[in-house]
Protein backbone atom coordinates (compact mmCIF):
# COMPACT_ATOMS: atom_id res chain seq x y z
CA MET A 1 -2.57 9.68 -9.12
CA THR A 2 -2.69 6.00 -7.72
CA LEU A 3 -1.20 4.87 -4.53
CA GLU A 4 -0.85 1.50 -2.84
CA TYR A 5 0.58 1.27 0.56
CA ARG A 6 1.47 -2.24 2.13
CA ARG A 7 2.51 -3.13 5.71
CA LEU A 8 3.92 -6.75 5.65
CA GLY A 9 5.00 -8.96 8.59
CA ARG A 10 8.51 -10.25 8.27
CA LEU A 11 7.49 -13.54 9.83
CA PRO A 12 6.64 -16.82 8.06
CA THR A 13 3.05 -16.08 7.89
CA CYS A 14 0.89 -13.61 5.95
CA ILE A 15 -1.72 -13.05 8.80
CA GLY A 16 -1.80 -9.41 9.59
CA ASN A 17 -0.61 -8.21 6.25
CA GLU A 18 -2.40 -4.98 5.42
CA ARG A 19 -2.84 -2.90 2.29
CA ILE A 20 -4.61 0.26 1.27
CA ARG A 21 -5.20 1.48 -2.46
CA VAL A 22 -6.43 4.83 -3.69
CA ALA A 23 -7.16 4.31 -7.43
CA GLY A 24 -7.00 6.99 -10.12
CA ASN A 25 -10.83 7.32 -10.00
CA GLY A 26 -10.70 8.04 -6.33
CA GLU A 27 -11.91 4.64 -5.16
CA VAL A 28 -10.29 3.82 -1.65
CA SER A 29 -9.83 -0.03 -0.79
CA HIS A 30 -8.35 -1.90 1.99
CA SER A 31 -7.37 -5.52 2.68
CA ARG A 32 -6.14 -7.08 5.86
CA ASN A 33 -5.20 -10.83 6.15
CA THR A 34 -7.05 -12.60 8.87
CA VAL A 35 -6.29 -16.17 7.77
CA GLU A 36 -3.20 -17.79 6.17
CA CYS A 37 -2.44 -17.29 2.57
CA GLU A 38 -2.83 -20.21 0.07
CA SER A 39 -0.73 -18.50 -2.62
CA ASN A 40 2.66 -17.18 -2.58
CA ASP A 41 1.50 -13.61 -3.21
CA GLY A 42 1.12 -12.66 0.33
CA TRP A 43 -2.50 -11.99 0.27
CA SER A 44 -5.64 -14.06 1.39
CA ALA A 45 -8.05 -11.23 1.72
CA PRO A 46 -9.60 -9.59 -1.22
CA TRP A 47 -9.71 -5.89 -1.82
CA ARG A 48 -12.89 -4.17 -0.13
CA THR A 49 -14.07 -0.71 -1.18
CA VAL A 50 -14.26 1.54 1.82
CA GLY A 51 -15.00 4.93 0.07
CA ARG A 52 -14.28 7.36 -2.76
CA LEU A 53 -12.27 10.64 -2.87
CA ASP A 54 -13.82 13.26 -4.90
CA ALA A 55 -11.64 15.19 -7.39
CA ALA A 56 -10.76 18.13 -4.90
CA ALA A 57 -9.70 15.50 -2.21
CA MET A 58 -7.50 13.77 -4.76
CA THR A 59 -5.82 16.98 -5.85
CA ARG A 60 -5.17 17.82 -2.00
CA LEU A 61 -3.83 14.35 -1.39
CA THR A 62 -1.61 14.39 -4.51
CA GLN A 63 -0.15 17.96 -3.40
CA GLN A 64 0.36 16.66 0.13
CA ILE A 65 2.33 13.72 -1.19
CA VAL A 66 4.38 15.98 -3.39
CA ASP A 67 5.10 18.36 -0.56
CA THR A 68 6.51 15.63 1.70
CA GLY A 69 9.48 15.19 -0.65
CA ILE A 70 8.94 11.49 -0.90
CA LEU A 71 9.27 11.42 -4.65
CA GLU A 72 12.87 12.69 -4.35
CA LEU A 73 13.86 9.58 -1.97
CA ASP A 74 15.88 6.83 -3.38
CA PRO A 75 14.09 3.54 -3.69
CA GLU A 76 15.18 1.20 -0.82
CA SER A 77 16.37 -2.13 -1.34
CA ILE A 78 15.03 -5.05 0.60
CA ASP A 79 17.05 -7.87 2.52
CA GLU A 80 14.74 -10.67 2.06
CA ALA A 81 16.88 -12.71 4.47
CA VAL A 82 15.62 -10.49 7.43
CA GLU A 83 12.95 -12.09 9.58
CA GLY A 84 10.76 -10.42 12.25
CA GLY A 85 9.27 -7.02 12.41
CA LYS A 86 7.27 -5.25 9.77
CA ARG A 87 8.16 -3.75 6.36
CA GLU A 88 6.22 -0.87 4.79
CA GLU A 89 6.10 -0.47 0.95
CA MET A 90 4.38 2.09 -1.14
CA ASP A 91 3.68 2.19 -4.91
CA LEU A 92 3.07 5.70 -6.06
CA THR A 93 2.27 7.18 -9.55
CA ILE A 94 1.51 10.77 -10.11
CA ASP A 95 1.11 11.98 -13.71
CA GLU A 96 2.45 8.65 -15.09
């Protein structure tokens, strides 16, 4: 399983954008912008490793995600013209 969660501001700045990643090997990383972005990708802060989940924790997390029913939800479209507020995104892969 791999997971990346992003919380993005809908203002013309990338400051405050935040993301968390759980890699397939259990490594957990975090990134939060505290300065303006120089590129158009929305990120000025690099990934920072904050821990690692063991195999049992990865199995529990995968099962909890499956149990939420999130995998049965339709993908949402994004209206890029909207400004203000926050948008949450998640990329999730389980068993490819």
